[in-house]
Amino acid sequence: MRDRLFFLLMLFGVLLFTQGCSVYTAFTHPPKADIEGLENMKGVNRYYVMSQCGAPLDSEKFKDGGRKDIYKFYEGSSWAKGRGVFHLIADVLTLGLWEIIAWPSELAARGDKLTAEAEYDADEKLTAFHVIGRRPKELQRAHEIEEIKEGDEF
């Protein structure tokens, strides 16, 4: 009886501390970026583009006052907060076993890693936006490891 109780406590501890924490992952997902809207919008402010894509990775200013920004960001997902609440409830009800399914699904839900280019006029109004690279989820982890080795942070 004592060995069985010890085993159950150890199993509970391992499950508690080795989970991927889908709740945290869901709550920290980037919101869904409006890529199609940006590709079809002209004249929106640079700050609107930054609200969708984050801070630019690189920015080049032209002599005529225009600018070109390069962004790297995750495509994002919808309903992340609702999924986070669901994961929290499911974790409590299953004593953490739900994490076996939930954490990998949350990693997949963040979307592909995109590289996009935006061009602006002298008034910092969008004149062109297009995705120049898409890294599917399957290749992201291997590439992120390579970037860390090379000293690049993103």
N, C-alpha and C. Protein backbone atom coordinates (compact mmCIF):
# COMPACT_ATOMS: atom_id res chain seq x y z
N MET A 1 0.83 -1.20 0.00
CA MET A 1 0.00 0.00 0.00
C MET A 1 0.87 1.26 0.00
N ARG A 2 1.90 1.25 0.83
CA ARG A 2 2.78 2.41 0.95
C ARG A 2 3.55 2.63 -0.35
N ASP A 3 3.99 1.54 -1.00
CA ASP A 3 4.70 1.66 -2.26
C ASP A 3 3.79 2.19 -3.36
N ARG A 4 2.55 1.76 -3.34
CA ARG A 4 1.60 2.20 -4.35
C ARG A 4 1.32 3.70 -4.19
N LEU A 5 1.17 4.17 -2.97
CA LEU A 5 0.95 5.59 -2.71
C LEU A 5 2.17 6.40 -3.14
N PHE A 6 3.36 5.91 -2.85
CA PHE A 6 4.59 6.59 -3.25
C PHE A 6 4.65 6.68 -4.79
N PHE A 7 4.31 5.57 -5.45
CA PHE A 7 4.32 5.55 -6.91
C PHE A 7 3.33 6.57 -7.48
N LEU A 8 2.14 6.62 -6.95
CA LEU A 8 1.14 7.57 -7.43
C LEU A 8 1.56 9.02 -7.20
N LEU A 9 2.17 9.29 -6.05
CA LEU A 9 2.66 10.65 -5.79
C LEU A 9 3.79 11.02 -6.75
N MET A 10 4.68 10.09 -7.01
CA MET A 10 5.77 10.35 -7.95
C MET A 10 5.22 10.56 -9.36
N LEU A 11 4.25 9.74 -9.77
CA LEU A 11 3.65 9.89 -11.08
C LEU A 11 2.95 11.24 -11.19
N PHE A 12 2.22 11.65 -10.19
CA PHE A 12 1.57 12.95 -10.18
C PHE A 12 2.60 14.08 -10.29
N GLY A 13 3.70 13.96 -9.54
CA GLY A 13 4.76 14.98 -9.60
C GLY A 13 5.39 15.08 -10.98
N VAL A 14 5.66 13.94 -11.60
CA VAL A 14 6.24 13.95 -12.94
C VAL A 14 5.27 14.58 -13.93
N LEU A 15 4.00 14.21 -13.86
CA LEU A 15 3.01 14.80 -14.77
C LEU A 15 2.86 16.30 -14.55
N LEU A 16 2.94 16.70 -13.31
CA LEU A 16 2.78 18.11 -12.98
C LEU A 16 3.93 18.95 -13.52
N PHE A 17 5.16 18.45 -13.39
CA PHE A 17 6.32 19.26 -13.75
C PHE A 17 6.86 19.03 -15.15
N THR A 18 6.36 18.05 -15.88
CA THR A 18 6.86 17.81 -17.23
C THR A 18 5.87 18.22 -18.30
N GLN A 19 4.78 18.80 -17.92
CA GLN A 19 3.80 19.20 -18.92
C GLN A 19 4.30 20.39 -19.73
N GLY A 20 3.82 20.52 -20.96
CA GLY A 20 4.22 21.60 -21.84
C GLY A 20 3.49 22.89 -21.57
N CYS A 21 2.46 22.84 -20.81
CA CYS A 21 1.64 23.97 -20.43
C CYS A 21 0.95 24.61 -21.64
N SER A 22 -0.03 23.91 -22.14
CA SER A 22 -0.82 24.41 -23.26
C SER A 22 -1.59 25.67 -22.89
N VAL A 23 -1.92 25.82 -21.61
CA VAL A 23 -2.66 27.00 -21.17
C VAL A 23 -1.81 28.25 -21.42
N TYR A 24 -0.57 28.22 -20.96
CA TYR A 24 0.34 29.36 -21.17
C TYR A 24 0.57 29.59 -22.66
N THR A 25 0.80 28.51 -23.40
CA THR A 25 1.06 28.63 -24.84
C THR A 25 -0.13 29.26 -25.55
N ALA A 26 -1.35 28.86 -25.20
CA ALA A 26 -2.53 29.42 -25.84
C ALA A 26 -2.69 30.90 -25.51
N PHE A 27 -2.47 31.27 -24.25
CA PHE A 27 -2.65 32.67 -23.86
C PHE A 27 -1.57 33.59 -24.42
N THR A 28 -0.42 33.05 -24.82
CA THR A 28 0.65 33.90 -25.36
C THR A 28 0.77 33.81 -26.87
N HIS A 29 -0.19 33.15 -27.53
CA HIS A 29 -0.17 33.10 -28.99
C HIS A 29 -0.35 34.49 -29.57
N PRO A 30 0.32 34.76 -30.68
CA PRO A 30 0.05 36.03 -31.35
C PRO A 30 -1.34 36.00 -31.97
N PRO A 31 -1.99 37.14 -32.04
CA PRO A 31 -3.32 37.15 -32.70
C PRO A 31 -3.16 36.87 -34.19
N LYS A 32 -4.22 36.45 -34.81
CA LYS A 32 -4.21 36.13 -36.24
C LYS A 32 -3.91 37.39 -37.04
N ALA A 33 -2.84 37.35 -37.83
CA ALA A 33 -2.46 38.48 -38.66
C ALA A 33 -3.33 38.51 -39.92
N ASP A 34 -3.75 39.69 -40.33
CA ASP A 34 -4.61 39.85 -41.50
C ASP A 34 -3.73 40.01 -42.74
N ILE A 35 -3.14 38.91 -43.19
CA ILE A 35 -2.22 38.95 -44.32
C ILE A 35 -2.93 39.36 -45.61
N GLU A 36 -4.06 38.73 -45.90
CA GLU A 36 -4.80 39.07 -47.12
C GLU A 36 -5.24 40.52 -47.12
N GLY A 37 -5.67 41.00 -45.97
CA GLY A 37 -6.07 42.40 -45.88
C GLY A 37 -4.92 43.35 -46.15
N LEU A 38 -3.75 43.02 -45.61
CA LEU A 38 -2.58 43.89 -45.83
C LEU A 38 -2.14 43.86 -47.29
N GLU A 39 -2.23 42.70 -47.93
CA GLU A 39 -1.83 42.61 -49.34
C GLU A 39 -2.76 43.41 -50.24
N ASN A 40 -4.00 43.59 -49.81
CA ASN A 40 -4.98 44.31 -50.63
C ASN A 40 -5.20 45.74 -50.17
N MET A 41 -4.65 46.13 -49.02
CA MET A 41 -4.83 47.49 -48.50
C MET A 41 -3.71 48.40 -48.98
N LYS A 42 -4.08 49.54 -49.38
CA LYS A 42 -3.10 50.57 -49.72
C LYS A 42 -3.46 51.81 -48.92
N GLY A 43 -2.47 52.51 -48.43
CA GLY A 43 -2.72 53.77 -47.75
C GLY A 43 -2.89 53.67 -46.24
N VAL A 44 -2.79 52.47 -45.67
CA VAL A 44 -2.90 52.39 -44.21
C VAL A 44 -1.57 52.82 -43.59
N ASN A 45 -1.64 53.26 -42.37
CA ASN A 45 -0.49 53.77 -41.66
C ASN A 45 0.51 52.65 -41.32
N ARG A 46 1.77 52.97 -41.26
CA ARG A 46 2.84 52.01 -40.91
C ARG A 46 2.58 51.38 -39.54
N TYR A 47 2.03 52.12 -38.61
CA TYR A 47 1.77 51.59 -37.27
C TYR A 47 0.69 50.52 -37.28
N TYR A 48 -0.24 50.60 -38.23
CA TYR A 48 -1.23 49.53 -38.36
C TYR A 48 -0.55 48.24 -38.81
N VAL A 49 0.36 48.35 -39.77
CA VAL A 49 1.10 47.17 -40.24
C VAL A 49 1.91 46.58 -39.09
N MET A 50 2.52 47.43 -38.30
CA MET A 50 3.30 46.95 -37.15
C MET A 50 2.39 46.29 -36.11
N SER A 51 1.16 46.73 -35.99
CA SER A 51 0.24 46.09 -35.05
C SER A 51 -0.13 44.68 -35.51
N GLN A 52 -0.09 44.44 -36.80
CA GLN A 52 -0.39 43.12 -37.35
C GLN A 52 0.83 42.20 -37.36
N CYS A 53 2.01 42.76 -37.64
CA CYS A 53 3.20 41.95 -37.88
C CYS A 53 4.27 42.08 -36.80
N GLY A 54 4.13 43.01 -35.89
CA GLY A 54 5.16 43.24 -34.89
C GLY A 54 6.18 44.25 -35.39
N ALA A 55 7.23 44.43 -34.63
CA ALA A 55 8.29 45.37 -35.01
C ALA A 55 9.05 44.81 -36.21
N PRO A 56 9.47 45.69 -37.12
CA PRO A 56 10.21 45.19 -38.29
C PRO A 56 11.58 44.65 -37.89
N LEU A 57 11.99 43.62 -38.60
CA LEU A 57 13.31 43.03 -38.39
C LEU A 57 14.38 43.92 -39.00
N ASP A 58 14.03 44.54 -40.13
CA ASP A 58 14.96 45.42 -40.83
C ASP A 58 14.15 46.54 -41.47
N SER A 59 14.73 47.72 -41.51
CA SER A 59 14.05 48.86 -42.10
C SER A 59 15.05 49.67 -42.91
N GLU A 60 14.65 50.02 -44.11
CA GLU A 60 15.53 50.79 -45.00
C GLU A 60 14.79 52.04 -45.45
N LYS A 61 15.40 53.19 -45.24
CA LYS A 61 14.78 54.46 -45.63
C LYS A 61 15.39 54.91 -46.96
N PHE A 62 14.53 55.37 -47.87
CA PHE A 62 14.97 55.79 -49.19
C PHE A 62 15.17 57.31 -49.23
N LYS A 63 15.85 57.79 -50.26
CA LYS A 63 16.12 59.22 -50.41
C LYS A 63 14.84 60.03 -50.61
N ASP A 64 13.84 59.43 -51.24
CA ASP A 64 12.59 60.15 -51.49
C ASP A 64 11.69 60.20 -50.25
N GLY A 65 12.14 59.64 -49.12
CA GLY A 65 11.36 59.65 -47.89
C GLY A 65 10.58 58.38 -47.65
N GLY A 66 10.53 57.52 -48.66
CA GLY A 66 9.83 56.24 -48.51
C GLY A 66 10.64 55.27 -47.65
N ARG A 67 10.07 54.13 -47.43
CA ARG A 67 10.71 53.16 -46.54
C ARG A 67 10.29 51.75 -46.94
N LYS A 68 11.17 50.79 -46.66
CA LYS A 68 10.85 49.38 -46.84
C LYS A 68 11.19 48.66 -45.54
N ASP A 69 10.22 47.91 -45.01
CA ASP A 69 10.41 47.14 -43.78
C ASP A 69 10.32 45.66 -44.09
N ILE A 70 11.11 44.87 -43.38
CA ILE A 70 11.05 43.42 -43.45
C ILE A 70 10.57 42.92 -42.09
N TYR A 71 9.56 42.07 -42.11
CA TYR A 71 8.97 41.52 -40.89
C TYR A 71 9.12 40.01 -40.87
N LYS A 72 9.37 39.46 -39.69
CA LYS A 72 9.31 38.02 -39.46
C LYS A 72 8.36 37.81 -38.30
N PHE A 73 7.35 36.98 -38.51
CA PHE A 73 6.34 36.79 -37.48
C PHE A 73 5.61 35.48 -37.72
N TYR A 74 4.91 35.02 -36.69
CA TYR A 74 4.07 33.85 -36.83
C TYR A 74 2.70 34.28 -37.32
N GLU A 75 2.11 33.45 -38.14
CA GLU A 75 0.81 33.74 -38.72
C GLU A 75 -0.25 34.02 -37.66
N GLY A 76 -0.15 33.36 -36.51
CA GLY A 76 -1.08 33.58 -35.42
C GLY A 76 -2.28 32.67 -35.51
N SER A 77 -3.16 32.80 -34.52
CA SER A 77 -4.34 31.95 -34.49
C SER A 77 -5.52 32.69 -33.88
N SER A 78 -6.69 32.21 -34.21
CA SER A 78 -7.91 32.78 -33.67
C SER A 78 -8.36 32.00 -32.44
N TRP A 79 -9.12 32.60 -31.60
CA TRP A 79 -9.72 31.97 -30.42
C TRP A 79 -8.70 31.38 -29.45
N ALA A 80 -7.51 31.96 -29.38
CA ALA A 80 -6.47 31.42 -28.49
C ALA A 80 -6.88 31.51 -27.03
N LYS A 81 -7.51 32.60 -26.64
CA LYS A 81 -7.91 32.75 -25.23
C LYS A 81 -8.96 31.71 -24.84
N GLY A 82 -9.91 31.46 -25.71
CA GLY A 82 -10.93 30.45 -25.45
C GLY A 82 -10.32 29.06 -25.33
N ARG A 83 -9.34 28.78 -26.20
CA ARG A 83 -8.65 27.49 -26.11
C ARG A 83 -7.87 27.39 -24.81
N GLY A 84 -7.30 28.50 -24.36
CA GLY A 84 -6.56 28.49 -23.10
C GLY A 84 -7.45 28.16 -21.92
N VAL A 85 -8.64 28.73 -21.89
CA VAL A 85 -9.59 28.43 -20.82
C VAL A 85 -10.01 26.96 -20.88
N PHE A 86 -10.27 26.47 -22.08
CA PHE A 86 -10.63 25.06 -22.23
C PHE A 86 -9.50 24.15 -21.73
N HIS A 87 -8.25 24.46 -22.12
CA HIS A 87 -7.11 23.65 -21.67
C HIS A 87 -6.99 23.67 -20.15
N LEU A 88 -7.22 24.80 -19.54
CA LEU A 88 -7.13 24.90 -18.09
C LEU A 88 -8.16 23.99 -17.42
N ILE A 89 -9.38 24.03 -17.89
CA ILE A 89 -10.44 23.19 -17.32
C ILE A 89 -10.12 21.71 -17.56
N ALA A 90 -9.71 21.38 -18.78
CA ALA A 90 -9.39 19.98 -19.10
C ALA A 90 -8.20 19.48 -18.28
N ASP A 91 -7.20 20.35 -18.05
CA ASP A 91 -6.04 19.96 -17.22
C ASP A 91 -6.47 19.62 -15.80
N VAL A 92 -7.33 20.46 -15.25
CA VAL A 92 -7.79 20.22 -13.88
C VAL A 92 -8.59 18.92 -13.81
N LEU A 93 -9.48 18.71 -14.76
CA LEU A 93 -10.33 17.53 -14.74
C LEU A 93 -9.56 16.23 -14.98
N THR A 94 -8.48 16.30 -15.75
CA THR A 94 -7.71 15.08 -16.05
C THR A 94 -6.40 15.01 -15.28
N LEU A 95 -6.22 15.89 -14.30
CA LEU A 95 -4.99 15.94 -13.49
C LEU A 95 -3.74 16.09 -14.34
N GLY A 96 -3.84 16.87 -15.41
CA GLY A 96 -2.68 17.18 -16.24
C GLY A 96 -2.48 16.25 -17.42
N LEU A 97 -3.21 15.17 -17.52
CA LEU A 97 -3.04 14.24 -18.63
C LEU A 97 -3.44 14.85 -19.97
N TRP A 98 -4.30 15.85 -19.94
CA TRP A 98 -4.74 16.52 -21.17
C TRP A 98 -3.56 17.15 -21.90
N GLU A 99 -2.48 17.47 -21.20
CA GLU A 99 -1.32 18.11 -21.81
C GLU A 99 -0.69 17.26 -22.90
N ILE A 100 -0.83 15.95 -22.80
CA ILE A 100 -0.24 15.06 -23.81
C ILE A 100 -0.81 15.38 -25.19
N ILE A 101 -2.06 15.77 -25.25
CA ILE A 101 -2.71 16.12 -26.51
C ILE A 101 -2.65 17.63 -26.76
N ALA A 102 -2.86 18.40 -25.72
CA ALA A 102 -3.06 19.85 -25.89
C ALA A 102 -1.79 20.60 -26.27
N TRP A 103 -0.67 20.28 -25.66
CA TRP A 103 0.53 21.07 -25.91
C TRP A 103 0.99 20.97 -27.36
N PRO A 104 1.09 19.77 -27.94
CA PRO A 104 1.47 19.71 -29.36
C PRO A 104 0.46 20.41 -30.27
N SER A 105 -0.81 20.33 -29.93
CA SER A 105 -1.81 20.99 -30.76
C SER A 105 -1.67 22.51 -30.69
N GLU A 106 -1.28 23.04 -29.55
CA GLU A 106 -1.08 24.48 -29.42
C GLU A 106 0.16 24.95 -30.20
N LEU A 107 1.19 24.12 -30.24
CA LEU A 107 2.36 24.48 -31.04
C LEU A 107 2.00 24.56 -32.52
N ALA A 108 1.15 23.65 -32.96
CA ALA A 108 0.72 23.65 -34.36
C ALA A 108 -0.21 24.82 -34.65
N ALA A 109 -0.94 25.29 -33.67
CA ALA A 109 -1.95 26.34 -33.89
C ALA A 109 -1.35 27.72 -34.08
N ARG A 110 -0.08 27.92 -33.75
CA ARG A 110 0.47 29.27 -33.88
C ARG A 110 0.71 29.67 -35.33
N GLY A 111 0.63 28.74 -36.25
CA GLY A 111 0.74 29.06 -37.67
C GLY A 111 2.16 29.01 -38.17
N ASP A 112 2.30 29.22 -39.46
CA ASP A 112 3.61 29.21 -40.09
C ASP A 112 4.38 30.47 -39.74
N LYS A 113 5.69 30.38 -39.88
CA LYS A 113 6.55 31.56 -39.68
C LYS A 113 6.68 32.25 -41.03
N LEU A 114 6.32 33.52 -41.06
CA LEU A 114 6.29 34.27 -42.31
C LEU A 114 7.36 35.35 -42.33
N THR A 115 7.85 35.63 -43.53
CA THR A 115 8.71 36.78 -43.77
C THR A 115 7.97 37.63 -44.78
N ALA A 116 7.78 38.90 -44.47
CA ALA A 116 7.00 39.78 -45.34
C ALA A 116 7.76 41.09 -45.55
N GLU A 117 7.44 41.72 -46.65
CA GLU A 117 8.05 43.00 -47.01
C GLU A 117 6.95 44.03 -47.20
N ALA A 118 7.13 45.18 -46.59
CA ALA A 118 6.16 46.26 -46.73
C ALA A 118 6.89 47.51 -47.22
N GLU A 119 6.26 48.18 -48.17
CA GLU A 119 6.83 49.42 -48.70
C GLU A 119 5.89 50.56 -48.40
N TYR A 120 6.47 51.71 -48.03
CA TYR A 120 5.70 52.88 -47.63
C TYR A 120 6.15 54.09 -48.44
N ASP A 121 5.25 55.07 -48.57
CA ASP A 121 5.61 56.32 -49.22
C ASP A 121 6.22 57.26 -48.18
N ALA A 122 6.45 58.51 -48.55
CA ALA A 122 7.07 59.48 -47.66
C ALA A 122 6.21 59.81 -46.44
N ASP A 123 4.90 59.60 -46.54
CA ASP A 123 3.99 59.85 -45.42
C ASP A 123 3.78 58.62 -44.56
N GLU A 124 4.58 57.58 -44.79
CA GLU A 124 4.50 56.29 -44.08
C GLU A 124 3.15 55.61 -44.26
N LYS A 125 2.62 55.74 -45.46
CA LYS A 125 1.40 55.03 -45.85
C LYS A 125 1.80 53.83 -46.70
N LEU A 126 1.16 52.71 -46.49
CA LEU A 126 1.49 51.46 -47.17
C LEU A 126 1.21 51.57 -48.67
N THR A 127 2.22 51.22 -49.48
CA THR A 127 2.04 51.18 -50.93
C THR A 127 2.07 49.74 -51.45
N ALA A 128 2.77 48.84 -50.75
CA ALA A 128 2.83 47.43 -51.18
C ALA A 128 3.15 46.55 -49.98
N PHE A 129 2.54 45.38 -49.96
CA PHE A 129 2.82 44.39 -48.91
C PHE A 129 2.73 43.01 -49.53
N HIS A 130 3.77 42.20 -49.33
CA HIS A 130 3.71 40.84 -49.83
C HIS A 130 4.59 39.92 -48.98
N VAL A 131 4.14 38.68 -48.89
CA VAL A 131 4.87 37.65 -48.16
C VAL A 131 5.97 37.15 -49.08
N ILE A 132 7.21 37.20 -48.60
CA ILE A 132 8.34 36.76 -49.43
C ILE A 132 8.89 35.41 -48.98
N GLY A 133 8.41 34.92 -47.84
CA GLY A 133 8.85 33.61 -47.38
C GLY A 133 7.88 33.02 -46.38
N ARG A 134 7.72 31.72 -46.45
CA ARG A 134 6.84 31.02 -45.53
C ARG A 134 7.57 29.76 -45.09
N ARG A 135 7.77 29.63 -43.79
CA ARG A 135 8.41 28.44 -43.26
C ARG A 135 7.34 27.60 -42.58
N PRO A 136 7.01 26.46 -43.20
CA PRO A 136 5.99 25.59 -42.59
C PRO A 136 6.39 25.13 -41.20
N LYS A 137 5.39 24.80 -40.40
CA LYS A 137 5.60 24.40 -39.01
C LYS A 137 6.62 23.28 -38.87
N GLU A 138 6.62 22.34 -39.81
CA GLU A 138 7.51 21.18 -39.69
C GLU A 138 8.98 21.59 -39.72
N LEU A 139 9.31 22.65 -40.43
CA LEU A 139 10.70 23.06 -40.59
C LEU A 139 11.13 24.11 -39.58
N GLN A 140 10.21 24.68 -38.82
CA GLN A 140 10.52 25.80 -37.95
C GLN A 140 11.53 25.44 -36.86
N ARG A 141 11.31 24.33 -36.16
CA ARG A 141 12.16 23.98 -35.02
C ARG A 141 13.60 23.78 -35.45
N ALA A 142 13.83 23.05 -36.55
CA ALA A 142 15.20 22.83 -37.02
C ALA A 142 15.85 24.15 -37.40
N HIS A 143 15.11 25.04 -38.05
CA HIS A 143 15.67 26.33 -38.45
C HIS A 143 15.94 27.22 -37.23
N GLU A 144 15.05 27.19 -36.24
CA GLU A 144 15.27 27.99 -35.03
C GLU A 144 16.54 27.55 -34.31
N ILE A 145 16.82 26.26 -34.28
CA ILE A 145 18.05 25.76 -33.66
C ILE A 145 19.26 26.28 -34.42
N GLU A 146 19.20 26.26 -35.76
CA GLU A 146 20.30 26.78 -36.58
C GLU A 146 20.53 28.26 -36.31
N GLU A 147 19.44 29.05 -36.21
CA GLU A 147 19.56 30.49 -35.97
C GLU A 147 20.18 30.77 -34.61
N ILE A 148 19.84 30.00 -33.61
CA ILE A 148 20.42 30.19 -32.28
C ILE A 148 21.90 29.91 -32.32
N LYS A 149 22.30 28.87 -33.04
CA LYS A 149 23.72 28.54 -33.16
C LYS A 149 24.49 29.65 -33.86
N GLU A 150 23.83 30.29 -34.83
CA GLU A 150 24.48 31.37 -35.58
C GLU A 150 24.44 32.72 -34.85
N GLY A 151 23.68 32.78 -33.76
CA GLY A 151 23.61 34.02 -32.97
C GLY A 151 22.44 34.91 -33.33
N ASP A 152 21.61 34.50 -34.28
CA ASP A 152 20.43 35.26 -34.65
C ASP A 152 19.32 34.92 -33.68
N GLU A 153 18.59 35.91 -33.19
CA GLU A 153 17.58 35.66 -32.17
C GLU A 153 16.22 35.31 -32.72
N PHE A 154 15.95 35.60 -33.96
CA PHE A 154 14.62 35.28 -34.49
C PHE A 154 14.82 34.70 -35.86
